[in-house]
Amino acid sequence: MTRREGFTLVEVMVSLLIFGLLAAAGVGLLTTSITNREVVKAASDDGAALLRVHRSVKADLGQAIDRSVRSDAGQDGSAFVASGGEALLTLTRTGRVNPGQADRSSLQRVEYRLSDGRLIRRVRASVDAGDWGPPQVLMEGVGATRLALTSRGRVSNSWPTTDGAALPDAVDLVIETPRFGPVTMAFMVGGVR
């Protein structure tokens, strides 16, 4: 009997089976890698949004001052207003940058709002009355927020209070997030007094 060169049908089938198993394992590994990358990116984006919120609120509360405001109708308003409603915090702050040396105040009115699951920051160029500027979305997917304002050792969830202080000493902001759950941020108000 003469011997022929080549592979038998069984050998070809076994090699195809091994190649198919390796290809399936490679596809599974690639799918897992892509999924993990998407999860890490989403968590990183959510963490960056929390950091953006923290930096923004810290800067505004650190520059908060006791400067009451006047509405378009001429009514006096508080320098600092906080509630658990849609408008979370409204305050007057100093430290507005003026690189072009424009003829304007260094004071600014700032508002934080929760609207349709988005935490928004708005500013008004004029402290007294005027229109709010375009909203800056700091974070999306916010379930709810809670405030705890500390003044003279007492805690309240709204401001102004009856203790006579113009500004609270500290503010705790709790943000409900889908990924991290409730996140508490603590801030001093108005720097060292």
N, C-alpha and C. Protein backbone atom coordinates (compact mmCIF):
# COMPACT_ATOMS: atom_id res chain seq x y z
N MET A 1 0.82 -1.16 0.00
CA MET A 1 0.00 0.00 0.00
C MET A 1 0.88 1.25 0.00
N THR A 2 0.54 2.13 -0.84
CA THR A 2 1.34 3.35 -0.93
C THR A 2 0.80 4.39 0.06
N ARG A 3 1.71 5.13 0.52
CA ARG A 3 1.35 6.16 1.50
C ARG A 3 1.13 7.48 0.78
N ARG A 4 0.02 8.16 1.11
CA ARG A 4 -0.28 9.45 0.50
C ARG A 4 0.05 10.57 1.47
N GLU A 5 0.45 11.70 0.91
CA GLU A 5 0.76 12.87 1.72
C GLU A 5 -0.53 13.65 1.97
N GLY A 6 -0.64 14.31 3.17
CA GLY A 6 -1.80 15.15 3.46
C GLY A 6 -2.43 14.79 4.79
N PHE A 7 -3.58 15.42 5.06
CA PHE A 7 -4.28 15.21 6.32
C PHE A 7 -5.53 14.39 6.07
N THR A 8 -5.88 13.66 7.07
CA THR A 8 -7.12 12.90 6.98
C THR A 8 -8.29 13.82 7.34
N LEU A 9 -9.46 13.37 7.04
CA LEU A 9 -10.66 14.15 7.36
C LEU A 9 -10.80 14.35 8.86
N VAL A 10 -10.47 13.39 9.65
CA VAL A 10 -10.55 13.50 11.11
C VAL A 10 -9.57 14.56 11.60
N GLU A 11 -8.37 14.57 11.07
CA GLU A 11 -7.39 15.56 11.49
C GLU A 11 -7.84 16.99 11.14
N VAL A 12 -8.41 17.16 9.96
CA VAL A 12 -8.91 18.48 9.55
C VAL A 12 -10.06 18.91 10.46
N MET A 13 -10.96 17.99 10.78
CA MET A 13 -12.10 18.33 11.65
C MET A 13 -11.62 18.70 13.06
N VAL A 14 -10.66 17.98 13.59
CA VAL A 14 -10.12 18.30 14.92
C VAL A 14 -9.44 19.66 14.91
N SER A 15 -8.69 19.97 13.88
CA SER A 15 -8.02 21.28 13.82
C SER A 15 -9.04 22.41 13.68
N LEU A 16 -10.12 22.20 12.91
CA LEU A 16 -11.17 23.21 12.81
C LEU A 16 -11.88 23.41 14.14
N LEU A 17 -12.10 22.34 14.87
CA LEU A 17 -12.72 22.43 16.19
C LEU A 17 -11.84 23.25 17.14
N ILE A 18 -10.55 22.97 17.14
CA ILE A 18 -9.63 23.71 18.02
C ILE A 18 -9.59 25.19 17.62
N PHE A 19 -9.54 25.49 16.31
CA PHE A 19 -9.55 26.87 15.84
C PHE A 19 -10.85 27.57 16.24
N GLY A 20 -11.98 26.89 16.12
CA GLY A 20 -13.27 27.46 16.51
C GLY A 20 -13.32 27.77 18.00
N LEU A 21 -12.79 26.89 18.83
CA LEU A 21 -12.75 27.15 20.29
C LEU A 21 -11.88 28.35 20.62
N LEU A 22 -10.74 28.46 19.97
CA LEU A 22 -9.86 29.60 20.20
C LEU A 22 -10.52 30.90 19.74
N ALA A 23 -11.21 30.88 18.59
CA ALA A 23 -11.89 32.07 18.09
C ALA A 23 -13.02 32.48 19.04
N ALA A 24 -13.78 31.53 19.53
CA ALA A 24 -14.87 31.83 20.47
C ALA A 24 -14.32 32.43 21.76
N ALA A 25 -13.21 31.89 22.26
CA ALA A 25 -12.59 32.44 23.47
C ALA A 25 -12.09 33.86 23.22
N GLY A 26 -11.53 34.10 22.04
CA GLY A 26 -11.05 35.44 21.70
C GLY A 26 -12.19 36.45 21.62
N VAL A 27 -13.31 36.05 21.01
CA VAL A 27 -14.47 36.94 20.92
C VAL A 27 -15.02 37.23 22.31
N GLY A 28 -15.10 36.22 23.16
CA GLY A 28 -15.57 36.42 24.54
C GLY A 28 -14.66 37.37 25.31
N LEU A 29 -13.36 37.21 25.16
CA LEU A 29 -12.40 38.08 25.83
C LEU A 29 -12.52 39.51 25.33
N LEU A 30 -12.68 39.69 24.03
CA LEU A 30 -12.83 41.02 23.45
C LEU A 30 -14.12 41.67 23.93
N THR A 31 -15.21 40.92 23.98
CA THR A 31 -16.49 41.46 24.45
C THR A 31 -16.40 41.89 25.90
N THR A 32 -15.79 41.08 26.73
CA THR A 32 -15.62 41.42 28.15
C THR A 32 -14.74 42.66 28.30
N SER A 33 -13.70 42.76 27.50
CA SER A 33 -12.81 43.91 27.57
C SER A 33 -13.55 45.20 27.19
N ILE A 34 -14.36 45.15 26.13
CA ILE A 34 -15.11 46.33 25.70
C ILE A 34 -16.14 46.72 26.75
N THR A 35 -16.83 45.74 27.30
CA THR A 35 -17.83 46.02 28.34
C THR A 35 -17.17 46.65 29.56
N ASN A 36 -16.04 46.10 29.99
CA ASN A 36 -15.33 46.66 31.14
C ASN A 36 -14.87 48.08 30.88
N ARG A 37 -14.41 48.34 29.67
CA ARG A 37 -13.97 49.69 29.32
C ARG A 37 -15.14 50.67 29.40
N GLU A 38 -16.31 50.27 28.93
CA GLU A 38 -17.49 51.14 28.98
C GLU A 38 -17.92 51.40 30.41
N VAL A 39 -17.87 50.37 31.25
CA VAL A 39 -18.25 50.54 32.66
C VAL A 39 -17.27 51.47 33.37
N VAL A 40 -15.98 51.29 33.12
CA VAL A 40 -14.97 52.15 33.74
C VAL A 40 -15.12 53.59 33.26
N LYS A 41 -15.40 53.80 31.98
CA LYS A 41 -15.58 55.15 31.46
C LYS A 41 -16.82 55.81 32.07
N ALA A 42 -17.91 55.07 32.20
CA ALA A 42 -19.13 55.63 32.81
C ALA A 42 -18.87 56.01 34.26
N ALA A 43 -18.17 55.14 35.01
CA ALA A 43 -17.87 55.45 36.41
C ALA A 43 -16.93 56.65 36.50
N SER A 44 -15.98 56.73 35.58
CA SER A 44 -15.05 57.86 35.56
C SER A 44 -15.78 59.16 35.25
N ASP A 45 -16.71 59.11 34.29
CA ASP A 45 -17.50 60.31 33.95
C ASP A 45 -18.36 60.75 35.13
N ASP A 46 -18.98 59.79 35.83
CA ASP A 46 -19.80 60.14 37.00
C ASP A 46 -18.93 60.73 38.12
N GLY A 47 -17.74 60.15 38.31
CA GLY A 47 -16.83 60.69 39.32
C GLY A 47 -16.36 62.09 38.96
N ALA A 48 -16.11 62.32 37.68
CA ALA A 48 -15.70 63.66 37.22
C ALA A 48 -16.82 64.67 37.43
N ALA A 49 -18.07 64.25 37.21
CA ALA A 49 -19.21 65.15 37.44
C ALA A 49 -19.32 65.51 38.92
N LEU A 50 -19.13 64.54 39.81
CA LEU A 50 -19.17 64.84 41.25
C LEU A 50 -18.04 65.80 41.63
N LEU A 51 -16.88 65.59 41.06
CA LEU A 51 -15.75 66.49 41.34
C LEU A 51 -16.05 67.89 40.82
N ARG A 52 -16.67 68.00 39.65
CA ARG A 52 -17.05 69.30 39.10
C ARG A 52 -18.04 70.01 40.02
N VAL A 53 -19.03 69.27 40.52
CA VAL A 53 -20.00 69.84 41.46
C VAL A 53 -19.29 70.33 42.71
N HIS A 54 -18.42 69.49 43.27
CA HIS A 54 -17.72 69.84 44.51
C HIS A 54 -16.88 71.11 44.32
N ARG A 55 -16.12 71.17 43.25
CA ARG A 55 -15.26 72.34 43.02
C ARG A 55 -16.07 73.62 42.82
N SER A 56 -17.15 73.51 42.08
CA SER A 56 -17.98 74.69 41.81
C SER A 56 -18.65 75.21 43.08
N VAL A 57 -19.28 74.31 43.82
CA VAL A 57 -19.97 74.73 45.05
C VAL A 57 -18.96 75.23 46.08
N LYS A 58 -17.82 74.58 46.19
CA LYS A 58 -16.79 75.01 47.14
C LYS A 58 -16.30 76.42 46.81
N ALA A 59 -16.06 76.69 45.53
CA ALA A 59 -15.59 78.02 45.13
C ALA A 59 -16.65 79.08 45.42
N ASP A 60 -17.91 78.78 45.11
CA ASP A 60 -18.96 79.77 45.33
C ASP A 60 -19.22 79.99 46.81
N LEU A 61 -19.32 78.92 47.59
CA LEU A 61 -19.58 79.09 49.02
C LEU A 61 -18.39 79.72 49.74
N GLY A 62 -17.19 79.42 49.28
CA GLY A 62 -16.00 80.02 49.88
C GLY A 62 -15.92 81.52 49.66
N GLN A 63 -16.56 82.02 48.61
CA GLN A 63 -16.55 83.44 48.28
C GLN A 63 -17.88 84.13 48.64
N ALA A 64 -18.78 83.40 49.31
CA ALA A 64 -20.09 83.97 49.67
C ALA A 64 -19.91 85.14 50.63
N ILE A 65 -20.71 86.18 50.41
CA ILE A 65 -20.65 87.36 51.28
C ILE A 65 -22.06 87.77 51.67
N ASP A 66 -22.12 88.56 52.73
CA ASP A 66 -23.39 89.08 53.20
C ASP A 66 -23.69 90.37 52.45
N ARG A 67 -24.29 90.23 51.30
CA ARG A 67 -24.68 91.38 50.48
C ARG A 67 -26.11 91.09 50.00
N SER A 68 -27.06 91.77 50.60
CA SER A 68 -28.45 91.53 50.22
C SER A 68 -28.69 92.00 48.78
N VAL A 69 -29.80 91.55 48.22
CA VAL A 69 -30.10 91.87 46.83
C VAL A 69 -31.42 92.62 46.74
N ARG A 70 -31.62 93.25 45.59
CA ARG A 70 -32.84 93.99 45.33
C ARG A 70 -33.44 93.45 44.03
N SER A 71 -34.73 93.15 44.06
CA SER A 71 -35.41 92.59 42.88
C SER A 71 -35.76 93.70 41.89
N ASP A 72 -36.27 93.30 40.73
CA ASP A 72 -36.72 94.28 39.72
C ASP A 72 -37.82 95.17 40.29
N ALA A 73 -38.61 94.61 41.21
CA ALA A 73 -39.71 95.38 41.82
C ALA A 73 -39.22 96.25 42.97
N GLY A 74 -37.94 96.20 43.30
CA GLY A 74 -37.39 97.03 44.36
C GLY A 74 -37.47 96.43 45.75
N GLN A 75 -37.83 95.15 45.84
CA GLN A 75 -37.92 94.49 47.15
C GLN A 75 -36.57 93.93 47.54
N ASP A 76 -36.26 94.03 48.85
CA ASP A 76 -35.02 93.49 49.37
C ASP A 76 -35.11 91.97 49.48
N GLY A 77 -33.99 91.31 49.21
CA GLY A 77 -33.90 89.86 49.33
C GLY A 77 -32.65 89.48 50.12
N SER A 78 -32.63 88.26 50.61
CA SER A 78 -31.51 87.78 51.42
C SER A 78 -30.27 87.52 50.57
N ALA A 79 -29.12 87.68 51.19
CA ALA A 79 -27.86 87.41 50.52
C ALA A 79 -27.70 85.92 50.25
N PHE A 80 -28.29 85.10 51.10
CA PHE A 80 -28.13 83.65 51.00
C PHE A 80 -29.50 83.02 51.19
N VAL A 81 -29.93 82.21 50.23
CA VAL A 81 -31.22 81.53 50.31
C VAL A 81 -30.99 80.06 49.99
N ALA A 82 -31.54 79.18 50.80
CA ALA A 82 -31.41 77.74 50.56
C ALA A 82 -32.72 77.06 50.91
N SER A 83 -33.08 76.08 50.09
CA SER A 83 -34.28 75.30 50.36
C SER A 83 -34.09 73.91 49.78
N GLY A 84 -35.00 73.04 50.09
CA GLY A 84 -34.94 71.70 49.54
C GLY A 84 -35.69 71.58 48.24
N GLY A 85 -36.17 72.68 47.70
CA GLY A 85 -36.96 72.66 46.48
C GLY A 85 -36.10 72.66 45.23
N GLU A 86 -36.68 73.15 44.14
CA GLU A 86 -35.97 73.16 42.87
C GLU A 86 -34.76 74.09 42.91
N ALA A 87 -34.92 75.28 43.52
CA ALA A 87 -33.79 76.19 43.68
C ALA A 87 -33.10 75.82 45.00
N LEU A 88 -31.97 75.14 44.90
CA LEU A 88 -31.29 74.65 46.10
C LEU A 88 -30.60 75.76 46.87
N LEU A 89 -29.71 76.48 46.19
CA LEU A 89 -28.93 77.54 46.82
C LEU A 89 -28.93 78.77 45.91
N THR A 90 -29.07 79.92 46.51
CA THR A 90 -28.89 81.18 45.80
C THR A 90 -28.07 82.07 46.72
N LEU A 91 -26.98 82.60 46.20
CA LEU A 91 -26.08 83.38 47.05
C LEU A 91 -25.39 84.48 46.28
N THR A 92 -24.89 85.43 47.02
CA THR A 92 -24.07 86.50 46.45
C THR A 92 -22.62 86.16 46.77
N ARG A 93 -21.78 86.22 45.76
CA ARG A 93 -20.36 85.91 45.95
C ARG A 93 -19.50 87.02 45.40
N THR A 94 -18.29 87.08 45.91
CA THR A 94 -17.30 88.03 45.43
C THR A 94 -16.25 87.25 44.65
N GLY A 95 -15.26 87.95 44.15
CA GLY A 95 -14.16 87.28 43.47
C GLY A 95 -14.38 87.04 42.00
N ARG A 96 -15.33 87.72 41.41
CA ARG A 96 -15.58 87.57 39.98
C ARG A 96 -14.40 88.14 39.21
N VAL A 97 -13.84 87.36 38.34
CA VAL A 97 -12.66 87.75 37.58
C VAL A 97 -13.04 88.79 36.54
N ASN A 98 -12.17 89.79 36.38
CA ASN A 98 -12.42 90.86 35.42
C ASN A 98 -11.13 91.12 34.63
N PRO A 99 -10.77 90.18 33.73
CA PRO A 99 -9.49 90.34 33.03
C PRO A 99 -9.43 91.54 32.10
N GLY A 100 -10.55 91.94 31.54
CA GLY A 100 -10.57 93.08 30.61
C GLY A 100 -10.75 94.41 31.31
N GLN A 101 -10.77 94.42 32.64
CA GLN A 101 -10.98 95.63 33.44
C GLN A 101 -12.25 96.38 33.01
N ALA A 102 -13.31 95.61 32.75
CA ALA A 102 -14.60 96.22 32.38
C ALA A 102 -15.16 96.98 33.57
N ASP A 103 -16.01 97.93 33.29
CA ASP A 103 -16.64 98.74 34.34
C ASP A 103 -17.81 97.96 34.93
N ARG A 104 -17.50 97.08 35.87
CA ARG A 104 -18.52 96.26 36.51
C ARG A 104 -18.05 95.82 37.89
N SER A 105 -18.98 95.28 38.64
CA SER A 105 -18.71 94.84 40.01
C SER A 105 -17.98 93.50 40.02
N SER A 106 -17.28 93.24 41.11
CA SER A 106 -16.66 91.93 41.28
C SER A 106 -17.63 90.97 41.97
N LEU A 107 -18.85 91.44 42.25
CA LEU A 107 -19.87 90.60 42.89
C LEU A 107 -20.71 89.91 41.82
N GLN A 108 -21.28 88.79 42.21
CA GLN A 108 -22.06 88.00 41.29
C GLN A 108 -23.14 87.24 42.07
N ARG A 109 -24.29 87.05 41.47
CA ARG A 109 -25.37 86.26 42.07
C ARG A 109 -25.33 84.88 41.42
N VAL A 110 -25.31 83.84 42.25
CA VAL A 110 -25.18 82.47 41.78
C VAL A 110 -26.35 81.66 42.29
N GLU A 111 -26.84 80.76 41.45
CA GLU A 111 -27.95 79.89 41.84
C GLU A 111 -27.65 78.46 41.40
N TYR A 112 -27.96 77.52 42.30
CA TYR A 112 -27.90 76.09 41.99
C TYR A 112 -29.32 75.57 42.00
N ARG A 113 -29.68 74.85 40.92
CA ARG A 113 -31.04 74.32 40.77
C ARG A 113 -30.97 72.84 40.43
N LEU A 114 -32.03 72.13 40.81
CA LEU A 114 -32.21 70.75 40.40
C LEU A 114 -33.42 70.74 39.47
N SER A 115 -33.19 70.42 38.20
CA SER A 115 -34.26 70.46 37.20
C SER A 115 -34.18 69.22 36.32
N ASP A 116 -35.21 68.41 36.35
CA ASP A 116 -35.29 67.19 35.53
C ASP A 116 -34.06 66.29 35.72
N GLY A 117 -33.65 66.10 36.95
CA GLY A 117 -32.52 65.22 37.23
C GLY A 117 -31.16 65.81 36.91
N ARG A 118 -31.12 67.11 36.61
CA ARG A 118 -29.86 67.77 36.29
C ARG A 118 -29.57 68.82 37.35
N LEU A 119 -28.35 68.82 37.86
CA LEU A 119 -27.91 69.85 38.79
C LEU A 119 -27.30 70.97 37.95
N ILE A 120 -27.90 72.15 38.05
CA ILE A 120 -27.56 73.28 37.18
C ILE A 120 -27.04 74.44 38.01
N ARG A 121 -26.05 75.13 37.48
CA ARG A 121 -25.52 76.36 38.07
C ARG A 121 -25.81 77.49 37.09
N ARG A 122 -26.38 78.58 37.62
CA ARG A 122 -26.63 79.78 36.80
C ARG A 122 -26.05 80.98 37.52
N VAL A 123 -25.61 81.95 36.76
CA VAL A 123 -25.10 83.19 37.34
C VAL A 123 -25.82 84.36 36.72
N ARG A 124 -25.85 85.42 37.48
CA ARG A 124 -26.44 86.67 37.01
C ARG A 124 -25.34 87.72 37.08
N ALA A 125 -25.15 88.42 35.99
CA ALA A 125 -24.06 89.40 35.93
C ALA A 125 -24.26 90.51 36.95
N SER A 126 -25.49 90.89 37.19
CA SER A 126 -25.80 91.93 38.15
C SER A 126 -26.34 91.28 39.42
N VAL A 127 -25.88 91.73 40.55
CA VAL A 127 -26.36 91.17 41.80
C VAL A 127 -27.83 91.53 42.02
N ASP A 128 -28.17 92.76 41.71
CA ASP A 128 -29.54 93.23 41.90
C ASP A 128 -30.32 93.07 40.60
N ALA A 129 -31.29 92.17 40.61
CA ALA A 129 -32.20 91.95 39.49
C ALA A 129 -31.46 91.52 38.23
N GLY A 130 -32.13 91.59 37.12
CA GLY A 130 -31.52 91.19 35.85
C GLY A 130 -31.84 89.74 35.51
N ASP A 131 -31.42 89.35 34.32
CA ASP A 131 -31.68 88.00 33.83
C ASP A 131 -30.55 87.06 34.21
N TRP A 132 -30.93 85.78 34.40
CA TRP A 132 -29.93 84.75 34.65
C TRP A 132 -29.27 84.38 33.34
N GLY A 133 -27.99 84.08 33.42
CA GLY A 133 -27.25 83.65 32.25
C GLY A 133 -27.62 82.22 31.88
N PRO A 134 -27.01 81.68 30.84
CA PRO A 134 -27.32 80.32 30.41
C PRO A 134 -26.94 79.31 31.49
N PRO A 135 -27.72 78.24 31.61
CA PRO A 135 -27.42 77.25 32.65
C PRO A 135 -26.18 76.43 32.31
N GLN A 136 -25.43 76.11 33.35
CA GLN A 136 -24.27 75.22 33.21
C GLN A 136 -24.66 73.91 33.90
N VAL A 137 -24.79 72.84 33.12
CA VAL A 137 -25.17 71.55 33.69
C VAL A 137 -23.93 70.94 34.33
N LEU A 138 -23.97 70.79 35.66
CA LEU A 138 -22.84 70.23 36.38
C LEU A 138 -22.90 68.71 36.44
N MET A 139 -24.14 68.18 36.55
CA MET A 139 -24.29 66.74 36.69
C MET A 139 -25.68 66.32 36.24
N GLU A 140 -25.76 65.18 35.58
CA GLU A 140 -27.04 64.63 35.16
C GLU A 140 -27.32 63.35 35.92
N GLY A 141 -28.58 62.96 35.95
CA GLY A 141 -28.96 61.72 36.63
C GLY A 141 -29.06 61.87 38.14
N VAL A 142 -29.24 63.08 38.63
CA VAL A 142 -29.34 63.31 40.08
C VAL A 142 -30.76 62.95 40.51
N GLY A 143 -30.88 62.05 41.48
CA GLY A 143 -32.20 61.63 41.95
C GLY A 143 -32.84 62.66 42.85
N ALA A 144 -32.10 63.13 43.83
CA ALA A 144 -32.61 64.12 44.78
C ALA A 144 -31.41 64.76 45.47
N THR A 145 -31.67 65.84 46.16
CA THR A 145 -30.64 66.50 46.95
C THR A 145 -31.21 66.88 48.30
N ARG A 146 -30.34 66.99 49.28
CA ARG A 146 -30.73 67.45 50.61
C ARG A 146 -29.66 68.41 51.10
N LEU A 147 -30.09 69.39 51.87
CA LEU A 147 -29.17 70.37 52.45
C LEU A 147 -29.23 70.31 53.96
N ALA A 148 -28.11 70.51 54.59
CA ALA A 148 -28.04 70.72 56.03
C ALA A 148 -27.13 71.92 56.24
N LEU A 149 -27.71 73.01 56.78
CA LEU A 149 -26.98 74.25 56.96
C LEU A 149 -26.72 74.45 58.45
N THR A 150 -25.47 74.64 58.81
CA THR A 150 -25.09 74.77 60.21
C THR A 150 -24.75 76.22 60.51
N SER A 151 -25.35 76.75 61.58
CA SER A 151 -25.06 78.10 62.03
C SER A 151 -25.14 78.14 63.54
N ARG A 152 -24.06 78.58 64.15
CA ARG A 152 -24.00 78.71 65.61
C ARG A 152 -24.39 77.41 66.31
N GLY A 153 -23.94 76.31 65.74
CA GLY A 153 -24.17 75.01 66.36
C GLY A 153 -25.54 74.40 66.08
N ARG A 154 -26.38 75.10 65.35
CA ARG A 154 -27.71 74.57 65.02
C ARG A 154 -27.75 74.18 63.55
N VAL A 155 -28.50 73.12 63.25
CA VAL A 155 -28.62 72.64 61.88
C VAL A 155 -30.03 72.88 61.38
N SER A 156 -30.12 73.37 60.15
CA SER A 156 -31.41 73.64 59.51
C SER A 156 -31.34 73.13 58.07
N ASN A 157 -32.51 72.89 57.48
CA ASN A 157 -32.50 72.45 56.08
C ASN A 157 -32.93 73.56 55.12
N SER A 158 -33.09 74.78 55.64
CA SER A 158 -33.42 75.92 54.78
C SER A 158 -32.78 77.18 55.37
N TRP A 159 -32.72 78.22 54.53
CA TRP A 159 -32.11 79.48 54.94
C TRP A 159 -32.85 80.61 54.24
N PRO A 160 -33.06 81.74 54.83
CA PRO A 160 -32.56 82.22 56.12
C PRO A 160 -33.31 81.59 57.30
N THR A 161 -32.65 81.66 58.44
CA THR A 161 -33.22 81.15 59.67
C THR A 161 -33.54 82.31 60.60
N THR A 162 -34.06 81.98 61.75
CA THR A 162 -34.44 83.02 62.71
C THR A 162 -33.32 83.38 63.68
N ASP A 163 -32.13 82.76 63.54
CA ASP A 163 -31.07 83.05 64.51
C ASP A 163 -30.32 84.35 64.24
N GLY A 164 -30.65 85.05 63.16
CA GLY A 164 -30.07 86.36 62.90
C GLY A 164 -28.79 86.34 62.10
N ALA A 165 -28.22 85.19 61.83
CA ALA A 165 -26.99 85.12 61.04
C ALA A 165 -27.31 85.34 59.56
N ALA A 166 -26.44 86.10 58.90
CA ALA A 166 -26.66 86.39 57.48
C ALA A 166 -26.27 85.19 56.61
N LEU A 167 -25.22 84.48 57.03
CA LEU A 167 -24.72 83.32 56.29
C LEU A 167 -24.56 82.14 57.24
N PRO A 168 -24.79 80.93 56.76
CA PRO A 168 -24.48 79.78 57.61
C PRO A 168 -22.97 79.62 57.74
N ASP A 169 -22.56 78.85 58.74
CA ASP A 169 -21.13 78.58 58.91
C ASP A 169 -20.66 77.47 57.96
N ALA A 170 -21.54 76.49 57.73
CA ALA A 170 -21.19 75.35 56.88
C ALA A 170 -22.44 74.83 56.19
N VAL A 171 -22.22 74.16 55.06
CA VAL A 171 -23.30 73.55 54.29
C VAL A 171 -22.91 72.12 53.95
N ASP A 172 -23.83 71.19 54.25
CA ASP A 172 -23.68 69.81 53.81
C ASP A 172 -24.67 69.60 52.67
N LEU A 173 -24.17 69.14 51.54
CA LEU A 173 -25.01 68.88 50.38
C LEU A 173 -24.96 67.38 50.11
N VAL A 174 -26.15 66.75 50.10
CA VAL A 174 -26.24 65.32 49.81
C VAL A 174 -26.88 65.17 48.44
N ILE A 175 -26.18 64.47 47.55
CA ILE A 175 -26.66 64.25 46.19
C ILE A 175 -26.91 62.76 46.01
N GLU A 176 -28.11 62.40 45.60
CA GLU A 176 -28.46 61.01 45.31
C GLU A 176 -28.05 60.71 43.87
N THR A 177 -27.11 59.77 43.71
CA THR A 177 -26.66 59.39 42.38
C THR A 177 -27.00 57.93 42.11
N PRO A 178 -27.27 57.58 40.87
CA PRO A 178 -27.60 56.19 40.58
C PRO A 178 -26.41 55.25 40.76
N ARG A 179 -25.21 55.70 40.47
CA ARG A 179 -24.04 54.82 40.56
C ARG A 179 -23.47 54.73 41.97
N PHE A 180 -23.34 55.86 42.67
CA PHE A 180 -22.67 55.90 43.96
C PHE A 180 -23.62 55.97 45.15
N GLY A 181 -24.92 56.10 44.88
CA GLY A 181 -25.88 56.27 45.97
C GLY A 181 -25.79 57.69 46.52
N PRO A 182 -26.12 57.88 47.80
CA PRO A 182 -26.04 59.24 48.35
C PRO A 182 -24.58 59.65 48.60
N VAL A 183 -24.21 60.81 48.08
CA VAL A 183 -22.86 61.35 48.25
C VAL A 183 -22.99 62.64 49.04
N THR A 184 -22.28 62.74 50.17
CA THR A 184 -22.33 63.92 51.02
C THR A 184 -21.08 64.76 50.81
N MET A 185 -21.29 66.05 50.57
CA MET A 185 -20.19 67.00 50.42
C MET A 185 -20.35 68.07 51.48
N ALA A 186 -19.27 68.39 52.17
CA ALA A 186 -19.30 69.39 53.24
C ALA A 186 -18.46 70.60 52.83
N PHE A 187 -19.01 71.80 53.11
CA PHE A 187 -18.36 73.05 52.69
C PHE A 187 -18.40 74.06 53.81
N MET A 188 -17.33 74.85 53.94
CA MET A 188 -17.33 76.03 54.80
C MET A 188 -17.87 77.19 53.97
N VAL A 189 -18.55 78.12 54.63
CA VAL A 189 -19.15 79.24 53.91
C VAL A 189 -18.36 80.51 54.21
N GLY A 190 -17.99 81.24 53.18
CA GLY A 190 -17.37 82.53 53.33
C GLY A 190 -15.96 82.52 53.89
N GLY A 191 -15.29 81.41 53.81
CA GLY A 191 -13.92 81.35 54.30
C GLY A 191 -13.85 81.53 55.82
N VAL A 192 -12.76 82.04 56.31
CA VAL A 192 -12.55 82.22 57.74
C VAL A 192 -13.22 83.52 58.16
N ARG A 193 -14.07 83.43 59.18
CA ARG A 193 -14.75 84.63 59.70
C ARG A 193 -14.37 84.84 61.13
